[in-house]
Protein backbone atom coordinates (compact mmCIF):
# COMPACT_ATOMS: atom_id res chain seq x y z
CA UNK A 1 11.08 -63.41 127.87
CA UNK A 2 10.43 -63.00 124.16
CA UNK A 3 7.07 -61.36 124.89
CA UNK A 4 8.67 -58.91 127.33
CA UNK A 5 11.32 -58.01 124.76
CA UNK A 6 8.61 -57.33 122.21
CA UNK A 7 6.79 -55.12 124.73
CA UNK A 8 10.03 -53.27 125.51
CA UNK A 9 10.69 -52.80 121.80
CA UNK A 10 7.17 -51.48 121.30
CA UNK A 11 7.56 -49.18 124.31
CA UNK A 12 10.87 -47.96 122.95
CA UNK A 13 9.22 -47.03 119.67
CA UNK A 14 6.52 -45.14 121.54
CA UNK A 15 9.18 -43.26 123.49
CA UNK A 16 10.99 -42.30 120.28
CA UNK A 17 7.67 -41.17 118.77
CA UNK A 18 6.84 -39.13 121.87
CA UNK A 19 10.19 -37.33 121.79
CA UNK A 20 9.81 -36.67 118.08
CA UNK A 21 6.35 -35.14 118.58
CA UNK A 22 7.70 -32.95 121.40
CA UNK A 23 10.49 -31.65 119.16
CA UNK A 24 8.05 -30.98 116.31
CA UNK A 25 5.66 -29.13 118.63
CA UNK A 26 8.49 -27.02 120.08
CA UNK A 27 9.85 -26.03 116.65
CA UNK A 28 6.35 -25.26 115.36
CA UNK A 29 5.59 -23.20 118.47
CA UNK A 30 8.81 -21.21 118.06
CA UNK A 31 7.95 -20.35 114.45
CA UNK A 32 4.34 -19.55 115.39
CA UNK A 33 5.45 -17.23 118.22
CA UNK A 34 7.93 -15.45 115.95
CA UNK A 35 5.24 -14.96 113.29
CA UNK A 36 2.78 -13.79 115.95
CA UNK A 37 5.25 -11.11 117.10
CA UNK A 38 5.75 -9.77 113.57
CA UNK A 39 2.07 -9.02 113.08
CA UNK A 40 2.44 -6.12 110.66
CA UNK A 41 4.76 -7.98 108.30
CA UNK A 42 2.66 -11.15 108.44
CA UNK A 43 -0.62 -9.48 107.55
CA UNK A 44 1.01 -7.23 104.97
CA UNK A 45 1.98 -10.43 103.15
CA UNK A 46 -1.37 -12.14 103.70
CA UNK A 47 -3.50 -9.17 102.65
CA UNK A 48 -1.33 -8.17 99.67
CA UNK A 49 -3.12 -10.51 97.18
CA UNK A 50 -6.37 -8.71 97.97
CA UNK A 51 -5.10 -5.32 96.80
CA UNK A 52 -5.36 -3.82 93.32
CA UNK A 53 -1.60 -3.09 93.21
CA UNK A 54 -0.56 -6.71 93.75
CA UNK A 55 2.47 -7.79 91.72
CA UNK A 56 0.44 -10.26 89.59
CA UNK A 57 -1.46 -7.43 87.92
CA UNK A 58 1.78 -5.58 87.13
CA UNK A 59 3.22 -8.77 85.59
CA UNK A 60 0.17 -9.25 83.38
CA UNK A 61 0.20 -5.59 82.30
CA UNK A 62 3.91 -5.83 81.41
CA UNK A 63 3.25 -9.00 79.41
CA UNK A 64 0.56 -7.28 77.36
CA UNK A 65 2.88 -4.29 76.90
CA UNK A 66 5.58 -6.60 75.52
CA UNK A 67 3.20 -8.05 72.93
CA UNK A 68 2.01 -4.58 71.90
CA UNK A 69 -1.25 -4.14 73.83
CA UNK A 70 -2.00 -1.25 76.14
CA UNK A 71 -3.89 -3.10 78.86
CA UNK A 72 -4.41 -1.97 82.46
CA UNK A 73 -6.47 -3.43 85.27
CA UNK A 74 -9.11 -1.19 86.77
CA UNK A 75 -8.36 -0.35 90.41
CA UNK A 76 -10.61 -1.93 93.00
CA UNK A 77 -11.00 -1.83 96.76
CA UNK A 78 -12.62 -4.41 99.02
CA UNK A 79 -12.98 -3.63 102.70
CA UNK A 80 -12.41 -6.34 105.29
CA UNK A 81 -14.36 -6.25 108.54
CA UNK A 82 -14.39 -8.14 111.84
CA UNK A 83 -17.87 -8.96 113.14
CA UNK A 84 -16.96 -10.49 116.51
CA UNK A 85 -15.15 -8.85 119.40
CA UNK A 86 -12.39 -11.47 119.51
CA UNK A 87 -12.31 -12.40 115.81
CA UNK A 88 -9.21 -10.37 114.94
CA UNK A 89 -7.21 -11.75 117.87
CA UNK A 90 -8.32 -15.35 117.21
CA UNK A 91 -7.55 -14.96 113.51
CA UNK A 92 -4.11 -13.65 114.44
CA UNK A 93 -3.49 -16.75 116.58
CA UNK A 94 -4.83 -19.27 114.04
CA UNK A 95 -2.90 -17.62 111.20
CA UNK A 96 0.31 -17.74 113.23
CA UNK A 97 -0.25 -21.46 113.84
CA UNK A 98 -0.88 -22.16 110.13
CA UNK A 99 2.20 -20.27 109.03
CA UNK A 100 4.28 -21.72 111.87
CA UNK A 101 3.34 -25.21 110.71
CA UNK A 102 4.22 -24.29 107.13
CA UNK A 103 7.61 -22.87 108.15
CA UNK A 104 8.33 -25.92 110.31
CA UNK A 105 7.30 -28.38 107.59
CA UNK A 106 10.89 -29.10 106.39
CA UNK A 107 11.88 -29.99 109.94
CA UNK A 108 8.72 -32.10 110.34
CA UNK A 109 9.60 -34.07 107.19
CA UNK A 110 13.13 -34.54 108.51
CA UNK A 111 11.83 -35.89 111.82
CA UNK A 112 9.39 -38.23 110.07
CA UNK A 113 12.19 -39.57 107.90
CA UNK A 114 14.39 -40.14 110.95
CA UNK A 115 11.56 -42.05 112.61
CA UNK A 116 10.73 -44.38 109.72
CA UNK A 117 14.21 -44.78 108.20
CA UNK A 118 15.34 -47.61 110.56
CA UNK A 119 12.48 -49.76 109.21
CA UNK A 120 13.47 -49.20 105.57
CA UNK A 121 15.78 -51.31 103.45
CA UNK A 122 18.91 -49.65 102.11
CA UNK A 123 17.49 -49.19 98.60
CA UNK A 124 14.21 -47.84 100.04
CA UNK A 125 16.12 -45.39 102.19
CA UNK A 126 18.10 -44.23 99.17
CA UNK A 127 14.98 -43.47 97.13
CA UNK A 128 12.88 -42.08 99.98
CA UNK A 129 14.96 -38.89 100.34
CA UNK A 130 14.44 -37.75 96.70
CA UNK A 131 10.75 -38.67 96.94
CA UNK A 132 10.32 -36.55 100.08
CA UNK A 133 12.14 -33.65 98.44
CA UNK A 134 9.92 -33.91 95.36
CA UNK A 135 6.77 -34.04 97.51
CA UNK A 136 7.80 -30.94 99.45
CA UNK A 137 8.91 -29.06 96.32
CA UNK A 138 5.62 -29.76 94.55
CA UNK A 139 3.70 -28.68 97.64
CA UNK A 140 5.60 -25.38 97.83
CA UNK A 141 5.03 -24.77 94.10
CA UNK A 142 1.31 -25.29 94.65
CA UNK A 143 1.36 -22.90 97.61
CA UNK A 144 3.19 -20.23 95.60
CA UNK A 145 0.81 -20.64 92.67
CA UNK A 146 -2.14 -20.18 95.00
CA UNK A 147 -0.61 -17.07 96.58
CA UNK A 148 0.58 -15.33 93.42
CA UNK A 149 -2.05 -16.40 90.86
CA UNK A 150 -5.13 -18.30 92.03
CA UNK A 151 -6.10 -16.47 95.21
CA UNK A 152 -5.60 -12.88 93.90
CA UNK A 153 -7.77 -13.54 90.84
CA UNK A 154 -10.36 -15.42 92.90
CA UNK A 155 -10.56 -12.64 95.47
CA UNK A 156 -10.74 -9.93 92.80
CA UNK A 157 -13.58 -11.68 91.00
CA UNK A 158 -15.63 -12.76 94.03
CA UNK A 159 -14.92 -9.67 96.13
CA UNK A 160 -15.96 -7.20 93.43
CA UNK A 161 -18.83 -9.22 91.96
CA UNK A 162 -22.22 -7.61 92.47
CA UNK A 163 -25.70 -8.63 91.32
CA UNK A 164 -26.93 -5.03 91.47
CA UNK A 165 -25.43 -1.56 91.83
CA UNK A 166 -27.00 -0.99 95.25
CA UNK A 167 -25.54 -4.23 96.64
CA UNK A 168 -22.01 -3.89 98.03
CA UNK A 169 -19.76 -6.68 99.28
CA UNK A 170 -18.10 -6.41 102.65
CA UNK A 171 -15.83 -9.38 103.33
CA UNK A 172 -15.06 -10.59 106.84
CA UNK A 173 -11.47 -11.22 107.86
CA UNK A 174 -12.38 -14.80 108.81
CA UNK A 175 -13.75 -15.46 105.33
CA UNK A 176 -10.64 -14.00 103.70
CA UNK A 177 -8.21 -16.10 105.77
CA UNK A 178 -10.25 -19.32 105.52
CA UNK A 179 -10.49 -18.99 101.72
CA UNK A 180 -6.77 -18.25 101.53
CA UNK A 181 -5.84 -21.30 103.63
CA UNK A 182 -8.28 -23.60 101.82
CA UNK A 183 -7.07 -22.68 98.33
CA UNK A 184 -3.44 -22.93 99.43
CA UNK A 185 -3.88 -26.42 100.87
CA UNK A 186 -5.92 -27.58 97.86
CA UNK A 187 -3.26 -26.44 95.41
CA UNK A 188 -0.50 -27.97 97.52
CA UNK A 189 -2.32 -31.32 97.48
CA UNK A 190 -3.32 -31.15 93.80
CA UNK A 191 0.31 -30.62 92.81
CA UNK A 192 1.12 -34.07 94.26
CA UNK A 193 -0.35 -35.68 91.13
CA UNK A 194 3.01 -37.03 89.79
CA UNK A 195 3.85 -38.50 93.21
CA UNK A 196 0.44 -40.20 93.44
CA UNK A 197 0.91 -41.56 89.92
CA UNK A 198 4.34 -42.88 90.92
CA UNK A 199 3.00 -44.87 93.85
CA UNK A 200 -0.01 -46.15 91.90
CA UNK A 201 2.35 -47.30 89.15
CA UNK A 202 4.53 -49.03 91.76
CA UNK A 203 1.45 -50.88 93.02
CA UNK A 204 0.50 -51.86 89.48
CA UNK A 205 -2.78 -49.94 89.36
CA UNK A 206 -1.80 -47.73 86.40
CA UNK A 207 0.86 -47.53 83.68
CA UNK A 208 2.00 -44.96 81.14
CA UNK A 209 0.05 -46.56 78.27
CA UNK A 210 -3.21 -46.30 80.19
CA UNK A 211 -2.59 -42.66 81.16
CA UNK A 212 -1.70 -41.77 77.57
CA UNK A 213 -4.77 -43.60 76.23
CA UNK A 214 -7.16 -41.63 78.46
CA UNK A 215 -5.38 -38.29 78.00
CA UNK A 216 -8.44 -36.56 76.54
CA UNK A 217 -10.69 -37.73 79.38
CA UNK A 218 -8.07 -36.65 81.88
CA UNK A 219 -8.01 -33.16 80.36
CA UNK A 220 -11.78 -32.91 80.73
CA UNK A 221 -11.62 -34.07 84.37
CA UNK A 222 -8.83 -31.58 85.07
CA UNK A 223 -10.96 -28.77 83.63
CA UNK A 224 -13.88 -29.82 85.84
CA UNK A 225 -11.66 -29.91 88.94
CA UNK A 226 -10.17 -26.52 88.03
CA UNK A 227 -13.66 -25.09 87.58
CA UNK A 228 -14.65 -26.36 91.04
CA UNK A 229 -11.66 -24.88 92.89
CA UNK A 230 -11.58 -21.58 90.99
CA UNK A 231 -14.07 -18.74 90.45
CA UNK A 232 -16.18 -18.99 87.28
CA UNK A 233 -14.06 -16.92 84.93
CA UNK A 234 -12.13 -18.11 81.89
CA UNK A 235 -8.78 -16.56 82.80
CA UNK A 236 -8.49 -18.27 86.19
CA UNK A 237 -9.73 -21.55 84.73
CA UNK A 238 -7.01 -21.42 82.07
CA UNK A 239 -4.27 -20.47 84.54
CA UNK A 240 -5.11 -23.49 86.71
CA UNK A 241 -5.91 -26.02 83.97
CA UNK A 242 -2.63 -25.60 82.08
CA UNK A 243 -0.24 -26.43 84.97
CA UNK A 244 -2.48 -29.27 86.16
CA UNK A 245 -2.48 -30.81 82.71
CA UNK A 246 1.29 -30.40 82.50
CA UNK A 247 1.50 -32.31 85.79
CA UNK A 248 -0.57 -35.06 84.16
CA UNK A 249 1.94 -35.24 81.32
CA UNK A 250 4.75 -35.40 83.88
CA UNK A 251 2.86 -38.27 85.53
CA UNK A 252 2.93 -40.17 82.23
CA UNK A 253 6.71 -39.77 82.06
CA UNK A 254 7.06 -40.84 85.71
CA UNK A 255 4.95 -43.98 85.25
CA UNK A 256 6.93 -44.86 82.10
CA UNK A 257 10.13 -44.65 84.16
CA UNK A 258 8.58 -46.92 86.81
CA UNK A 259 7.65 -49.48 84.15
CA UNK A 260 11.22 -49.57 82.89
């Protein structure tokens, strides 16, 4: 009898998981279909960072104007092409799925919390909600940083770089979208550094004293990581290194709070 009850309990959990996955798939599909229908708006937003009149360049020019420098970016133009017959349509579908998943991510986190919350103690349930909110907020900040800063500068540098005057770059749409998605996901994950430090401190692997002691080495590692995920120019390297190092300092404060 006890074994049957355990099997029923296990089957009940599987049924709850199945229903949760169905709801997540339906919500994601609804967002993906809506994004697919608004093709012009979607690709206007996606292709905007690859244009010379993107808002980032205006912000930088205004900043230099405020400090007394007359600085303007040279206009550039990079053509995107599609090399396969179905590449544009397939890119439209895959992009709609990516963005649909991103739009549905708050609901997905909510469903995951509903699924695991019955197994948590009361104090764990109380702290899990702020942790999930922090994880999602840091991920969105990383996504926004990639869209507004990292990807435009990366595309401008790599798309206009030429080894000789007679060599011209023609970027495929697939390459543009894949680079955009990769950088966005990388920045979203990298911005989870304080959360990772929190859990490592909870497990006793690290503490604030150790992080503070190796601060200089951490800065060097952060610069190496930033150099790997960014194009080889000093401006982009600086724009990525500074927030990553600030996240490291936040991680020190977080681990100190865990120790207390």
